[in-house]
Amino acid sequence: MDNTSTDLTGALARFASSLNLADNLADVPTDVKADARRLLLDSIGCILAAARTRMAPIVHGLAEFLGDGNAASIAGRKQRASLAGAVYANGRLANCMDLDETFPVGHHFGAGAVVAALALACQSAL
């Protein structure tokens, strides 16, 4: 096994675990904040664009299947859903048109992370 990947993972874990975001956003590098904003706005834009597609009603139906609830919002729908339903639906919508972030690695990690964070923020705002 290559120690480089282990060292990089450890360095990232140490950095992330030492951040004190509640008291000081200055600990976060400026380029990281800029990329986080870009990822957030990109993901929300993809979710909103997909809310009017033919897939949206199917996604909303599966969100209902995942349980009734009033925990979080789903784009394009007035009715709130369970936490699992909202995370699934918004995540699926974020990737629906395959327009979500692909730079620089060509993968869509943001959809899962962003929708989970949004759903948890929505739930804790209740």
Protein backbone atom coordinates (compact mmCIF):
# COMPACT_ATOMS: atom_id res chain seq x y z
CA MET A 1 0.00 0.00 0.00
CA ASP A 2 1.20 3.47 -0.86
CA ASN A 3 1.94 5.57 2.25
CA THR A 4 1.32 8.77 0.29
CA SER A 5 -2.44 8.24 0.22
CA THR A 6 -2.46 7.39 3.92
CA ASP A 7 -0.43 10.49 4.73
CA LEU A 8 -2.73 12.71 2.65
CA THR A 9 -5.84 11.22 4.24
CA GLY A 10 -4.36 11.71 7.70
CA ALA A 11 -3.39 15.30 6.92
CA LEU A 12 -6.89 16.06 5.64
CA ALA A 13 -8.48 14.41 8.68
CA ARG A 14 -6.25 16.39 11.06
CA PHE A 15 -7.02 19.64 9.24
CA ALA A 16 -10.79 19.04 9.19
CA SER A 17 -10.97 17.91 12.82
CA SER A 18 -9.02 20.95 14.03
CA LEU A 19 -11.28 23.52 12.32
CA ASN A 20 -13.40 25.60 14.64
CA LEU A 21 -16.08 26.83 12.26
CA ALA A 22 -18.46 27.88 15.00
CA ASP A 23 -16.09 30.53 16.30
CA ASN A 24 -13.78 31.37 13.45
CA LEU A 25 -14.39 31.01 9.73
CA ALA A 26 -10.99 32.64 9.21
CA ASP A 27 -9.48 29.17 9.77
CA VAL A 28 -10.92 28.11 6.41
CA PRO A 29 -8.73 29.05 3.44
CA THR A 30 -10.28 31.57 1.05
CA ASP A 31 -10.13 29.21 -1.94
CA VAL A 32 -11.92 26.50 0.03
CA LYS A 33 -14.74 28.92 0.93
CA ALA A 34 -15.01 30.00 -2.71
CA ASP A 35 -15.20 26.39 -3.93
CA ALA A 36 -17.77 25.55 -1.25
CA ARG A 37 -19.97 28.46 -2.38
CA ARG A 38 -19.61 27.40 -6.02
CA LEU A 39 -20.49 23.79 -5.18
CA LEU A 40 -23.48 24.84 -3.09
CA LEU A 41 -24.89 27.17 -5.76
CA ASP A 42 -24.20 24.67 -8.54
CA SER A 43 -25.99 21.88 -6.67
CA ILE A 44 -28.99 24.06 -5.81
CA GLY A 45 -29.23 25.20 -9.44
CA CYS A 46 -29.19 21.59 -10.65
CA ILE A 47 -31.88 20.63 -8.13
CA LEU A 48 -34.12 23.52 -9.17
CA ALA A 49 -33.64 22.83 -12.88
CA ALA A 50 -34.54 19.16 -12.43
CA ALA A 51 -37.64 19.97 -10.35
CA ARG A 52 -39.52 20.57 -13.63
CA THR A 53 -38.41 17.41 -15.43
CA ARG A 54 -40.48 14.30 -16.07
CA MET A 55 -38.39 12.50 -13.48
CA ALA A 56 -39.45 14.82 -10.62
CA PRO A 57 -42.87 13.21 -9.93
CA ILE A 58 -41.24 9.77 -9.84
CA VAL A 59 -38.61 11.04 -7.40
CA HIS A 60 -41.31 12.67 -5.26
CA GLY A 61 -43.19 9.36 -5.16
CA LEU A 62 -40.15 7.50 -3.89
CA ALA A 63 -39.57 10.21 -1.30
CA GLU A 64 -43.09 9.50 0.00
CA PHE A 65 -42.30 5.78 0.03
CA LEU A 66 -39.33 6.51 2.31
CA GLY A 67 -41.69 7.78 4.98
CA ASP A 68 -44.00 10.59 5.93
CA GLY A 69 -42.46 13.50 7.65
CA ASN A 70 -42.09 17.19 8.02
CA ALA A 71 -38.31 17.24 8.37
CA ALA A 72 -37.05 18.82 5.16
CA SER A 73 -38.06 20.38 1.86
CA ILE A 74 -37.87 18.88 -1.60
CA ALA A 75 -37.34 21.21 -4.55
CA GLY A 76 -40.47 21.83 -6.60
CA ARG A 77 -42.82 20.52 -3.95
CA LYS A 78 -44.81 22.35 -1.29
CA GLN A 79 -45.13 19.31 0.95
CA ARG A 80 -42.15 18.56 3.21
CA ALA A 81 -40.78 15.06 3.57
CA SER A 82 -38.93 12.78 5.95
CA LEU A 83 -35.20 13.40 6.25
CA ALA A 84 -34.44 10.27 4.19
CA GLY A 85 -37.01 11.22 1.58
CA ALA A 86 -35.69 14.75 1.18
CA VAL A 87 -32.05 13.63 0.98
CA TYR A 88 -32.90 11.00 -1.63
CA ALA A 89 -35.16 13.24 -3.71
CA ASN A 90 -32.94 16.31 -3.76
CA GLY A 91 -29.85 14.19 -4.37
CA ARG A 92 -31.49 12.42 -7.28
CA LEU A 93 -32.73 15.71 -8.68
CA ALA A 94 -29.25 17.23 -8.28
CA ASN A 95 -27.84 14.54 -10.55
CA CYS A 96 -30.90 14.09 -12.78
CA MET A 97 -29.66 16.05 -15.78
CA ASP A 98 -26.01 15.15 -15.16
CA LEU A 99 -25.08 18.83 -14.97
CA ASP A 100 -23.76 18.78 -11.42
CA GLU A 101 -20.14 19.46 -10.68
CA THR A 102 -17.57 17.47 -12.60
CA PHE A 103 -14.43 19.54 -12.26
CA PRO A 104 -11.66 18.53 -11.68
CA VAL A 105 -12.26 14.80 -11.19
CA GLY A 106 -15.36 14.00 -13.23
CA HIS A 107 -17.35 12.64 -10.28
CA HIS A 108 -20.45 13.99 -8.56
CA PHE A 109 -19.54 14.06 -4.88
CA GLY A 110 -21.29 17.34 -4.22
CA ALA A 111 -24.83 16.12 -4.78
CA GLY A 112 -24.73 13.78 -1.79
CA ALA A 113 -22.87 16.13 0.52
CA VAL A 114 -24.85 19.25 -0.33
CA VAL A 115 -28.31 17.67 -0.08
CA ALA A 116 -27.45 15.97 3.21
CA ALA A 117 -26.22 19.27 4.66
CA LEU A 118 -29.28 21.15 3.36
CA ALA A 119 -31.70 18.56 4.77
CA LEU A 120 -29.99 18.57 8.17
CA ALA A 121 -29.99 22.38 8.23
CA CYS A 122 -33.66 22.39 7.27
CA GLN A 123 -34.50 19.86 9.98
CA SER A 124 -32.62 21.71 12.69
CA ALA A 125 -34.35 24.96 11.73
CA LEU A 126 -37.67 23.49 12.84
